Amino acid sequence: MRGTDPATSYRERGYVVARGAVDPSLVQFLVACAHTLNSGRQLVSDPAFGNTVAKYGDPAFDTLCAGFVGALSEVAATELEPTYSYLRWYRPPCELIRHRDRDACGHTATVHLANWGEPWPFELEDACGAKVRIELDPGDLLLVKGREIPHSRPHREAGDYLQVFLHYVERDGPEAEYRFDRRPALGLSPESKVNPGGRYSGENR
């Protein structure tokens, strides 16, 4: 991953940007995968947004999530485990309300894939209390401590925006039980999740 001492930035500020982290040819492939999922009606309505659609745990995007474990573990200075991927195709008007992530998302990478319209900044309040606006190009990756750092996107009136979240927990951390987001393996639907007692949990995110 490119950048000056990203581990220090991540430790001190709670986020780091890796420009060009995903090769352009792979970005094109992932965008094509998203189009295939969309045309096959495999993207479902995201309950957080009106006409925005999403896909939880698709095998291609879960594989991407697993593929970044080594590099992101170096940045986080701890061994990470993948939990799940979440492809989201934003369709305006939409807005990502300021929030922190759930337990399965202690470390979240957002990868920008495509943008049909104006740039759409990712906004956060870093660990030092500074308010930051980050614009990503296709292939850029933003890693953020999702449970600690409040983040959002402003209201968007026009132009679709395609990106994928890659979520992780620390192997030896308190949320380690969320490895694969409590699924038996990556690439499976949310219906395969079990709670700590071994029963289906019913969560879809």
Protein backbone atom coordinates (compact mmCIF):
# COMPACT_ATOMS: atom_id res chain seq x y z
CA MET A 1 0.00 0.00 0.00
CA ARG A 2 1.35 3.39 -0.97
CA GLY A 3 1.74 6.34 1.33
CA THR A 4 4.08 7.68 4.01
CA ASP A 5 4.00 5.50 7.13
CA PRO A 6 0.31 4.54 6.87
CA ALA A 7 0.47 2.53 10.12
CA THR A 8 1.37 5.65 12.09
CA SER A 9 -1.41 7.67 10.44
CA TYR A 10 -3.91 4.91 11.15
CA ARG A 11 -2.83 4.55 14.78
CA GLU A 12 -2.87 8.27 15.50
CA ARG A 13 -5.82 9.47 13.40
CA GLY A 14 -7.98 6.36 12.97
CA TYR A 15 -7.99 6.35 9.18
CA VAL A 16 -5.67 6.15 6.20
CA VAL A 17 -6.11 6.50 2.42
CA ALA A 18 -4.37 4.19 -0.07
CA ARG A 19 -4.52 5.71 -3.54
CA GLY A 20 -4.68 3.18 -6.36
CA ALA A 21 -4.87 0.23 -3.96
CA VAL A 22 -6.93 -1.77 -6.47
CA ASP A 23 -5.47 -2.25 -9.94
CA PRO A 24 -7.52 -0.59 -12.73
CA SER A 25 -8.10 -3.92 -14.50
CA LEU A 26 -9.49 -5.40 -11.28
CA VAL A 27 -11.67 -2.32 -10.78
CA GLN A 28 -13.12 -2.86 -14.26
CA PHE A 29 -13.80 -6.51 -13.42
CA LEU A 30 -15.54 -5.60 -10.15
CA VAL A 31 -17.68 -2.97 -11.88
CA ALA A 32 -18.64 -5.62 -14.45
CA CYS A 33 -19.53 -7.99 -11.59
CA ALA A 34 -21.77 -5.29 -10.11
CA HIS A 35 -23.52 -4.80 -13.46
CA THR A 36 -24.05 -8.56 -13.76
CA LEU A 37 -25.54 -8.71 -10.28
CA ASN A 38 -27.75 -5.74 -11.10
CA SER A 39 -29.01 -7.13 -14.40
CA GLY A 40 -29.66 -10.48 -12.73
CA ARG A 41 -31.66 -8.76 -9.98
CA GLN A 42 -29.23 -9.98 -7.34
CA LEU A 43 -28.91 -6.52 -5.80
CA VAL A 44 -31.61 -5.88 -3.25
CA SER A 45 -33.04 -2.69 -1.83
CA ASP A 46 -30.91 -1.29 0.96
CA PRO A 47 -33.17 -0.52 3.95
CA ALA A 48 -31.07 2.53 4.82
CA PHE A 49 -31.74 4.22 1.45
CA GLY A 50 -34.80 4.55 -0.78
CA ASN A 51 -33.83 3.29 -4.24
CA THR A 52 -30.24 2.33 -3.45
CA VAL A 53 -29.43 -1.38 -3.93
CA ALA A 54 -26.80 -3.60 -2.34
CA LYS A 55 -25.34 -7.08 -2.08
CA TYR A 56 -24.10 -8.74 1.09
CA GLY A 57 -21.30 -11.28 0.92
CA ASP A 58 -21.08 -11.87 -2.83
CA PRO A 59 -18.30 -14.44 -3.48
CA ALA A 60 -16.28 -12.08 -5.73
CA PHE A 61 -16.37 -9.22 -3.22
CA ASP A 62 -15.83 -11.47 -0.19
CA THR A 63 -12.75 -12.78 -2.02
CA LEU A 64 -11.57 -9.19 -2.42
CA CYS A 65 -12.11 -8.74 1.33
CA ALA A 66 -9.97 -11.79 2.09
CA GLY A 67 -7.31 -10.67 -0.39
CA PHE A 68 -6.60 -7.45 1.51
CA VAL A 69 -6.18 -9.11 4.92
CA GLY A 70 -2.37 -9.15 4.82
CA ALA A 71 -1.86 -5.57 3.65
CA LEU A 72 -4.48 -4.12 5.98
CA SER A 73 -3.16 -6.11 8.95
CA GLU A 74 0.18 -4.38 8.42
CA VAL A 75 -1.50 -0.97 8.46
CA ALA A 76 -3.60 -1.81 11.52
CA ALA A 77 -0.54 -3.31 13.27
CA THR A 78 -2.62 -6.32 14.30
CA GLU A 79 -3.81 -9.53 12.67
CA LEU A 80 -7.20 -8.99 11.06
CA GLU A 81 -9.90 -11.46 10.07
CA PRO A 82 -12.42 -10.75 7.28
CA THR A 83 -16.06 -10.52 8.30
CA TYR A 84 -18.00 -9.62 5.16
CA SER A 85 -18.18 -7.44 2.07
CA TYR A 86 -21.07 -5.15 1.27
CA LEU A 87 -21.47 -3.82 -2.26
CA ARG A 88 -23.62 -0.71 -2.39
CA TRP A 89 -24.91 1.00 -5.55
CA TYR A 90 -26.07 4.41 -4.40
CA ARG A 91 -28.90 5.92 -6.43
CA PRO A 92 -29.73 9.53 -5.54
CA PRO A 93 -31.21 11.31 -3.89
CA CYS A 94 -29.36 9.78 -0.97
CA GLU A 95 -27.31 10.62 2.09
CA LEU A 96 -25.17 8.58 4.46
CA ILE A 97 -26.10 9.75 7.93
CA ARG A 98 -23.26 10.25 10.43
CA HIS A 99 -22.77 7.00 12.33
CA ARG A 100 -20.36 4.43 13.76
CA ASP A 101 -20.31 0.84 12.58
CA ARG A 102 -21.49 -2.34 14.29
CA ASP A 103 -19.29 -4.87 16.08
CA ALA A 104 -18.37 -6.84 12.93
CA CYS A 105 -16.83 -3.71 11.39
CA GLY A 106 -14.01 -2.74 13.72
CA HIS A 107 -11.83 -1.97 10.71
CA THR A 108 -13.65 -0.97 7.53
CA ALA A 109 -12.18 -0.41 4.09
CA THR A 110 -14.29 1.40 1.54
CA VAL A 111 -13.19 0.93 -2.06
CA HIS A 112 -14.50 3.32 -4.70
CA LEU A 113 -15.39 1.54 -7.95
CA ALA A 114 -17.31 3.95 -10.20
CA ASN A 115 -18.99 7.33 -10.15
CA TRP A 116 -21.58 8.64 -12.60
CA GLY A 117 -21.62 12.31 -11.63
CA GLU A 118 -19.78 14.67 -9.32
CA PRO A 119 -17.33 13.40 -6.67
CA TRP A 120 -18.97 12.44 -3.39
CA PRO A 121 -16.77 13.09 -0.36
CA PHE A 122 -16.47 10.73 2.56
CA GLU A 123 -16.65 12.77 5.76
CA LEU A 124 -15.27 11.75 9.15
CA GLU A 125 -14.15 13.08 12.50
CA ASP A 126 -10.73 11.60 13.15
CA ALA A 127 -9.25 10.46 16.45
CA CYS A 128 -7.76 13.93 16.98
CA GLY A 129 -11.18 15.57 16.63
CA ALA A 130 -10.46 17.04 13.18
CA LYS A 131 -13.22 17.04 10.57
CA VAL A 132 -11.97 15.53 7.30
CA ARG A 133 -13.44 15.35 3.77
CA ILE A 134 -11.95 12.74 1.44
CA GLU A 135 -12.67 12.31 -2.25
CA LEU A 136 -11.83 8.89 -3.70
CA ASP A 137 -11.08 7.93 -7.29
CA PRO A 138 -11.84 4.46 -8.67
CA GLY A 139 -9.43 1.99 -7.08
CA ASP A 140 -8.71 4.15 -4.02
CA LEU A 141 -9.18 2.55 -0.61
CA LEU A 142 -10.00 4.28 2.66
CA LEU A 143 -9.40 2.28 5.84
CA VAL A 144 -11.15 3.58 8.94
CA LYS A 145 -11.72 2.35 12.48
CA GLY A 146 -15.43 1.99 11.86
CA ARG A 147 -16.57 1.46 15.44
CA GLU A 148 -14.59 4.43 16.76
CA ILE A 149 -14.63 7.07 14.03
CA PRO A 150 -17.95 8.80 13.14
CA HIS A 151 -18.36 8.98 9.38
CA SER A 152 -20.92 10.07 6.79
CA ARG A 153 -21.52 11.34 3.25
CA PRO A 154 -23.48 14.54 2.43
CA HIS A 155 -26.76 14.66 0.55
CA ARG A 156 -26.37 13.66 -3.11
CA GLU A 157 -28.87 14.84 -5.70
CA ALA A 158 -27.62 13.31 -8.96
CA GLY A 159 -25.32 10.60 -10.30
CA ASP A 160 -25.01 6.98 -9.23
CA TYR A 161 -22.05 5.97 -7.04
CA LEU A 162 -20.69 2.43 -6.75
CA GLN A 163 -18.47 1.23 -3.93
CA VAL A 164 -17.83 -1.78 -1.74
CA PHE A 165 -17.21 -2.01 2.00
CA LEU A 166 -14.72 -4.61 3.23
CA HIS A 167 -15.11 -5.29 6.94
CA TYR A 168 -12.67 -6.82 9.43
CA VAL A 169 -12.20 -7.63 13.11
CA GLU A 170 -9.03 -8.24 15.11
CA ARG A 171 -8.10 -11.91 15.37
CA ASP A 172 -7.37 -11.65 19.09
CA GLY A 173 -9.79 -8.82 19.84
CA PRO A 174 -13.12 -8.76 21.67
CA GLU A 175 -15.07 -9.01 18.41
CA ALA A 176 -13.15 -12.03 17.08
CA GLU A 177 -16.37 -14.09 17.16
CA TYR A 178 -17.51 -12.06 14.11
CA ARG A 179 -14.98 -13.80 11.82
CA PHE A 180 -16.86 -14.30 8.52
CA ASP A 181 -19.69 -12.36 10.27
CA ARG A 182 -20.71 -15.61 12.01
CA ARG A 183 -21.11 -17.47 8.72
CA PRO A 184 -19.44 -20.86 8.21
CA ALA A 185 -17.34 -19.38 5.38
CA LEU A 186 -16.99 -16.32 3.18
CA GLY A 187 -19.23 -16.04 0.12
CA LEU A 188 -22.36 -17.26 1.89
CA SER A 189 -25.66 -15.46 2.34
CA PRO A 190 -26.64 -13.78 5.62
CA GLU A 191 -29.12 -16.61 6.16
CA SER A 192 -26.16 -18.84 7.01
CA LYS A 193 -25.25 -16.79 10.10
CA VAL A 194 -25.42 -18.35 13.54
CA ASN A 195 -25.46 -16.61 16.89
CA PRO A 196 -23.09 -17.63 19.72
CA GLY A 197 -25.55 -20.37 20.69
CA GLY A 198 -25.34 -21.89 17.23
CA ARG A 199 -28.69 -20.71 15.88
CA TYR A 200 -29.44 -18.55 12.83
CA SER A 201 -29.18 -14.96 13.92
CA GLY A 202 -31.50 -13.33 11.35
CA GLU A 203 -29.18 -10.35 10.79
CA ASN A 204 -28.83 -9.15 7.21
CA ARG A 205 -26.06 -6.58 7.69
